[in-house]
Amino acid sequence: MNTYLVLKWLHVVSSTVLFGTGIGIAFFKWMADRAGDVHVIRVVNERTVLADWMFTLPAVVLQPVTGLAMAWVAGYPLASGWLLVSLVLYLVAGGCWLPVVWLQLRMRDLARAADDGNSPLPAQYRAYARAWFWLGVPAFCSLIAVFGLMVFKPAW
């Protein structure tokens, strides 16, 4: 079996999981927050945290491992233009994702407390949700750009 093709398959699958889970989580969490039902918000936040640990985290780890391994097997220098830019953009996305994880844990806890106490969400929840959303914008754009660089591999 061709090592490069196995690495490529793992890389493509993990990038699909990373992107798909991210966009899915963002959509359902955003819709739940807009609906305003505290119990629904609680459940969606709990599932968001679970999905991040089950799907996003393994994909986040596999992406650089398989990407760097493919570059090594194919003989791409890490300082080549498209590969270096991809790595920087991946770090940007990761730099946004780490605080997002913290925010998701806080929002989950706030939603649990509000649901258990049969009370509305505190204002802090909305502040966290706004920060969560806006951190997702550069992360999403960075990953879209990485997809383009992986496919087109521009020679610059």
C-alpha atoms as a PDB file:
ATOM      1  CA  MET A   1       0.000   0.000   0.000  1.00  0.00           C
ATOM      2  CA  ASN A   2       1.269   3.479  -0.885  1.00  0.00           C
ATOM      3  CA  THR A   3       2.179   5.402   2.279  1.00  0.00           C
ATOM      4  CA  TYR A   4       1.490   8.776   0.676  1.00  0.00           C
ATOM      5  CA  LEU A   5      -2.025   7.756  -0.395  1.00  0.00           C
ATOM      6  CA  VAL A   6      -2.862   6.429   3.082  1.00  0.00           C
ATOM      7  CA  LEU A   7      -1.648   9.696   4.616  1.00  0.00           C
ATOM      8  CA  LYS A   8      -3.587  11.666   2.015  1.00  0.00           C
ATOM      9  CA  TRP A   9      -6.771   9.709   2.747  1.00  0.00           C
ATOM     10  CA  LEU A  10      -6.385  10.314   6.500  1.00  0.00           C
ATOM     11  CA  HIS A  11      -5.674  13.983   5.808  1.00  0.00           C
ATOM     12  CA  VAL A  12      -8.718  14.454   3.579  1.00  0.00           C
ATOM     13  CA  VAL A  13     -11.032  12.574   5.961  1.00  0.00           C
ATOM     14  CA  SER A  14      -9.786  14.493   9.001  1.00  0.00           C
ATOM     15  CA  SER A  15     -10.071  17.829   7.172  1.00  0.00           C
ATOM     16  CA  THR A  16     -13.636  16.927   6.228  1.00  0.00           C
ATOM     17  CA  VAL A  17     -14.445  16.014   9.830  1.00  0.00           C
ATOM     18  CA  LEU A  18     -12.790  19.203  11.105  1.00  0.00           C
ATOM     19  CA  PHE A  19     -14.636  21.450   8.672  1.00  0.00           C
ATOM     20  CA  GLY A  20     -17.950  19.590   8.792  1.00  0.00           C
ATOM     21  CA  THR A  21     -18.066  19.374  12.568  1.00  0.00           C
ATOM     22  CA  GLY A  22     -17.082  23.021  12.882  1.00  0.00           C
ATOM     23  CA  ILE A  23     -19.694  24.325  10.483  1.00  0.00           C
ATOM     24  CA  GLY A  24     -22.348  21.975  11.904  1.00  0.00           C
ATOM     25  CA  ILE A  25     -21.642  22.998  15.480  1.00  0.00           C
ATOM     26  CA  ALA A  26     -21.660  26.663  14.508  1.00  0.00           C
ATOM     27  CA  PHE A  27     -24.999  26.373  12.696  1.00  0.00           C
ATOM     28  CA  PHE A  28     -26.864  24.443  15.381  1.00  0.00           C
ATOM     29  CA  LYS A  29     -25.449  26.473  18.269  1.00  0.00           C
ATOM     30  CA  TRP A  30     -26.197  29.759  16.523  1.00  0.00           C
ATOM     31  CA  MET A  31     -29.763  28.631  15.744  1.00  0.00           C
ATOM     32  CA  ALA A  32     -30.326  27.423  19.319  1.00  0.00           C
ATOM     33  CA  ASP A  33     -29.025  30.702  20.739  1.00  0.00           C
ATOM     34  CA  ARG A  34     -31.341  32.663  18.427  1.00  0.00           C
ATOM     35  CA  ALA A  35     -34.353  30.564  19.471  1.00  0.00           C
ATOM     36  CA  GLY A  36     -33.837  31.586  23.092  1.00  0.00           C
ATOM     37  CA  ASP A  37     -35.155  28.401  24.762  1.00  0.00           C
ATOM     38  CA  VAL A  38     -32.808  27.877  27.734  1.00  0.00           C
ATOM     39  CA  HIS A  39     -33.270  24.112  27.804  1.00  0.00           C
ATOM     40  CA  VAL A  40     -32.525  23.793  24.073  1.00  0.00           C
ATOM     41  CA  ILE A  41     -29.503  26.071  24.486  1.00  0.00           C
ATOM     42  CA  ARG A  42     -28.282  23.880  27.333  1.00  0.00           C
ATOM     43  CA  VAL A  43     -28.611  20.652  25.335  1.00  0.00           C
ATOM     44  CA  VAL A  44     -26.976  22.128  22.227  1.00  0.00           C
ATOM     45  CA  ASN A  45     -24.085  23.535  24.273  1.00  0.00           C
ATOM     46  CA  GLU A  46     -23.580  20.165  25.959  1.00  0.00           C
ATOM     47  CA  ARG A  47     -23.544  18.417  22.578  1.00  0.00           C
ATOM     48  CA  THR A  48     -21.243  21.085  21.152  1.00  0.00           C
ATOM     49  CA  VAL A  49     -18.635  20.390  23.819  1.00  0.00           C
ATOM     50  CA  LEU A  50     -19.034  16.629  23.319  1.00  0.00           C
ATOM     51  CA  ALA A  51     -18.680  16.918  19.522  1.00  0.00           C
ATOM     52  CA  ASP A  52     -15.548  19.028  19.897  1.00  0.00           C
ATOM     53  CA  TRP A  53     -13.896  16.380  22.091  1.00  0.00           C
ATOM     54  CA  MET A  54     -15.079  13.425  19.974  1.00  0.00           C
ATOM     55  CA  PHE A  55     -14.568  14.803  16.462  1.00  0.00           C
ATOM     56  CA  THR A  56     -12.811  18.160  16.317  1.00  0.00           C
ATOM     57  CA  LEU A  57      -9.916  17.397  18.663  1.00  0.00           C
ATOM     58  CA  PRO A  58      -8.823  14.182  16.894  1.00  0.00           C
ATOM     59  CA  ALA A  59      -9.092  15.952  13.522  1.00  0.00           C
ATOM     60  CA  VAL A  60      -7.102  18.922  14.842  1.00  0.00           C
ATOM     61  CA  VAL A  61      -4.320  16.519  15.850  1.00  0.00           C
ATOM     62  CA  LEU A  62      -4.431  14.429  12.657  1.00  0.00           C
ATOM     63  CA  GLN A  63      -4.287  17.405  10.308  1.00  0.00           C
ATOM     64  CA  PRO A  64      -0.732  18.583  11.045  1.00  0.00           C
ATOM     65  CA  VAL A  65       0.551  15.045  11.634  1.00  0.00           C
ATOM     66  CA  THR A  66      -0.681  13.756   8.280  1.00  0.00           C
ATOM     67  CA  GLY A  67       0.053  17.014   6.469  1.00  0.00           C
ATOM     68  CA  LEU A  68       3.654  17.160   7.640  1.00  0.00           C
ATOM     69  CA  ALA A  69       4.113  13.438   6.986  1.00  0.00           C
ATOM     70  CA  MET A  70       2.824  13.866   3.412  1.00  0.00           C
ATOM     71  CA  ALA A  71       5.133  16.812   2.862  1.00  0.00           C
ATOM     72  CA  TRP A  72       8.071  14.730   4.089  1.00  0.00           C
ATOM     73  CA  VAL A  73       7.149  11.675   1.966  1.00  0.00           C
ATOM     74  CA  ALA A  74       6.578  13.839  -1.145  1.00  0.00           C
ATOM     75  CA  GLY A  75       9.750  15.850  -0.560  1.00  0.00           C
ATOM     76  CA  TYR A  76       8.008  19.226  -0.194  1.00  0.00           C
ATOM     77  CA  PRO A  77      10.160  21.674   1.759  1.00  0.00           C
ATOM     78  CA  LEU A  78       8.208  23.043   4.711  1.00  0.00           C
ATOM     79  CA  ALA A  79       9.272  26.553   3.763  1.00  0.00           C
ATOM     80  CA  SER A  80       7.659  26.289   0.315  1.00  0.00           C
ATOM     81  CA  GLY A  81       5.161  29.103  -0.204  1.00  0.00           C
ATOM     82  CA  TRP A  82       1.794  27.340  -0.188  1.00  0.00           C
ATOM     83  CA  LEU A  83       2.776  24.879   2.536  1.00  0.00           C
ATOM     84  CA  LEU A  84       4.160  27.565   4.829  1.00  0.00           C
ATOM     85  CA  VAL A  85       1.077  29.759   4.319  1.00  0.00           C
ATOM     86  CA  SER A  86      -1.151  26.730   5.021  1.00  0.00           C
ATOM     87  CA  LEU A  87       0.678  26.079   8.282  1.00  0.00           C
ATOM     88  CA  VAL A  88       0.358  29.725   9.336  1.00  0.00           C
ATOM     89  CA  LEU A  89      -3.364  29.751   8.492  1.00  0.00           C
ATOM     90  CA  TYR A  90      -3.845  26.494  10.397  1.00  0.00           C
ATOM     91  CA  LEU A  91      -2.175  28.101  13.412  1.00  0.00           C
ATOM     92  CA  VAL A  92      -4.535  31.096  13.055  1.00  0.00           C
ATOM     93  CA  ALA A  93      -7.526  28.727  13.056  1.00  0.00           C
ATOM     94  CA  GLY A  94      -6.100  26.860  16.047  1.00  0.00           C
ATOM     95  CA  GLY A  95      -5.413  30.116  17.855  1.00  0.00           C
ATOM     96  CA  CYS A  96      -9.099  30.950  17.465  1.00  0.00           C
ATOM     97  CA  TRP A  97     -10.280  27.451  18.392  1.00  0.00           C
ATOM     98  CA  LEU A  98      -8.541  27.294  21.785  1.00  0.00           C
ATOM     99  CA  PRO A  99     -10.431  30.262  23.268  1.00  0.00           C
ATOM    100  CA  VAL A 100     -13.595  28.959  21.575  1.00  0.00           C
ATOM    101  CA  VAL A 101     -13.269  25.717  23.557  1.00  0.00           C
ATOM    102  CA  TRP A 102     -12.962  27.717  26.784  1.00  0.00           C
ATOM    103  CA  LEU A 103     -15.998  29.818  25.809  1.00  0.00           C
ATOM    104  CA  GLN A 104     -18.017  26.703  24.970  1.00  0.00           C
ATOM    105  CA  LEU A 105     -17.288  25.224  28.390  1.00  0.00           C
ATOM    106  CA  ARG A 106     -18.341  28.477  30.108  1.00  0.00           C
ATOM    107  CA  MET A 107     -21.507  28.780  27.993  1.00  0.00           C
ATOM    108  CA  ARG A 108     -22.394  25.158  28.705  1.00  0.00           C
ATOM    109  CA  ASP A 109     -22.024  25.747  32.439  1.00  0.00           C
ATOM    110  CA  LEU A 110     -24.052  28.986  32.324  1.00  0.00           C
ATOM    111  CA  ALA A 111     -26.811  27.294  30.315  1.00  0.00           C
ATOM    112  CA  ARG A 112     -26.896  24.358  32.747  1.00  0.00           C
ATOM    113  CA  ALA A 113     -27.190  26.691  35.722  1.00  0.00           C
ATOM    114  CA  ALA A 114     -29.946  28.738  34.074  1.00  0.00           C
ATOM    115  CA  ASP A 115     -31.852  25.612  33.036  1.00  0.00           C
ATOM    116  CA  ASP A 116     -31.502  23.991  36.476  1.00  0.00           C
ATOM    117  CA  GLY A 117     -32.601  27.224  38.162  1.00  0.00           C
ATOM    118  CA  ASN A 118     -35.433  27.803  35.679  1.00  0.00           C
ATOM    119  CA  SER A 119     -34.021  31.269  35.036  1.00  0.00           C
ATOM    120  CA  PRO A 120     -32.980  33.230  31.959  1.00  0.00           C
ATOM    121  CA  LEU A 121     -29.443  33.116  30.642  1.00  0.00           C
ATOM    122  CA  PRO A 122     -27.190  35.733  32.212  1.00  0.00           C
ATOM    123  CA  ALA A 123     -25.829  38.594  30.107  1.00  0.00           C
ATOM    124  CA  GLN A 124     -22.395  36.947  30.330  1.00  0.00           C
ATOM    125  CA  TYR A 125     -23.707  34.101  28.168  1.00  0.00           C
ATOM    126  CA  ARG A 126     -24.531  36.508  25.327  1.00  0.00           C
ATOM    127  CA  ALA A 127     -21.116  38.163  25.626  1.00  0.00           C
ATOM    128  CA  TYR A 128     -19.435  34.756  25.408  1.00  0.00           C
ATOM    129  CA  ALA A 129     -21.659  33.782  22.448  1.00  0.00           C
ATOM    130  CA  ARG A 130     -20.677  36.940  20.552  1.00  0.00           C
ATOM    131  CA  ALA A 131     -16.970  36.311  21.175  1.00  0.00           C
ATOM    132  CA  TRP A 132     -17.465  32.657  20.169  1.00  0.00           C
ATOM    133  CA  PHE A 133     -19.115  33.702  16.897  1.00  0.00           C
ATOM    134  CA  TRP A 134     -16.510  36.309  15.993  1.00  0.00           C
ATOM    135  CA  LEU A 135     -13.612  33.960  16.741  1.00  0.00           C
ATOM    136  CA  GLY A 136     -15.225  31.530  14.319  1.00  0.00           C
ATOM    137  CA  VAL A 137     -15.018  33.984  11.422  1.00  0.00           C
ATOM    138  CA  PRO A 138     -11.206  34.080  11.037  1.00  0.00           C
ATOM    139  CA  ALA A 139     -10.991  30.357  11.867  1.00  0.00           C
ATOM    140  CA  PHE A 140     -13.521  29.506   9.137  1.00  0.00           C
ATOM    141  CA  CYS A 141     -11.873  31.813   6.593  1.00  0.00           C
ATOM    142  CA  SER A 142      -8.439  30.392   7.416  1.00  0.00           C
ATOM    143  CA  LEU A 143      -9.603  26.818   6.897  1.00  0.00           C
ATOM    144  CA  ILE A 144     -11.310  27.711   3.610  1.00  0.00           C
ATOM    145  CA  ALA A 145      -8.021  29.253   2.445  1.00  0.00           C
ATOM    146  CA  VAL A 146      -6.101  26.147   3.568  1.00  0.00           C
ATOM    147  CA  PHE A 147      -8.483  23.979   1.534  1.00  0.00           C
ATOM    148  CA  GLY A 148      -7.705  26.102  -1.510  1.00  0.00           C
ATOM    149  CA  LEU A 149      -3.980  25.914  -0.927  1.00  0.00           C
ATOM    150  CA  MET A 150      -4.118  22.127  -0.468  1.00  0.00           C
ATOM    151  CA  VAL A 151      -5.990  21.671  -3.724  1.00  0.00           C
ATOM    152  CA  PHE A 152      -4.229  24.211  -5.960  1.00  0.00           C
ATOM    153  CA  LYS A 153      -0.704  24.193  -4.425  1.00  0.00           C
ATOM    154  CA  PRO A 154       0.250  27.511  -6.035  1.00  0.00           C
ATOM    155  CA  ALA A 155       3.883  27.858  -7.073  1.00  0.00           C
ATOM    156  CA  TRP A 156       4.882  30.951  -5.148  1.00  0.00           C
END
